[in-house]
Amino acid sequence: MKFCSECGAPVELRIPPGDDRPRYVCTVCATIHYQNPKLVVGAIPEWEDGRILLCRRAIEPRYGLWTLPAGFMENGETTAEAAARETLEEANGRIAVGELYSMYSLPYISQVYLLFRSRLLDMTFSPGAESLEVELFEERSIPWDDIAFRPVRFTLQHFFADRKAGCFRFRNGNLEPPAR
């Protein structure tokens, strides 16, 4: 960040009084510009027969790989609204949003993933602008080697294990950077 969004003056990185970390602070109006993690919110859309709706990405990062419908939460919406919106945008799918199922913190890229169990309301889904294709998958058919993001992979693995056990429980984890 180089300039203040309030007055346009230059900003400098310093620790404001009463804070414990460097922040961008305006050199003229003293506005503190906080930079906080991004929330990635999505759904685990399940059809009546137990299949899960996945989207094949038409955008970077991870173009061509599969994921659950998810994306950055917008200002002015709830997490459940974000999950429903992302499913509609990426898969033209309508869902009933259920309980929060998984939360993964990725501090190395300042993201938090929140994924909700959900139920597809009908079979009218199709690729949205950010998807090459969308498809319902049984567990054995999921393209595990082509899953785009680790929080999605872990969520799906836990989801199917919990379904087999007959008891879904909230999943929470912190992910370190992937090994290179």
Foldseek 3Di string as FASTA:
>chain_A
DAADPVPGAGWDWDADPPGDGTFTAHPPPRDTDDDAFWEKAAEQEAEPVGWTKWFQFCDDDLHRFIFGQIGTDDPPDDSQVRHQVSCCQAKVWGKDWDDWAEWEAEVVRRYIYIYTYIYTPDDPIFGHPGGPTMDTDDPVRHPLVRHRDDVRSVSSVLVVVCVVVVHGDHYYYYDYDDDD
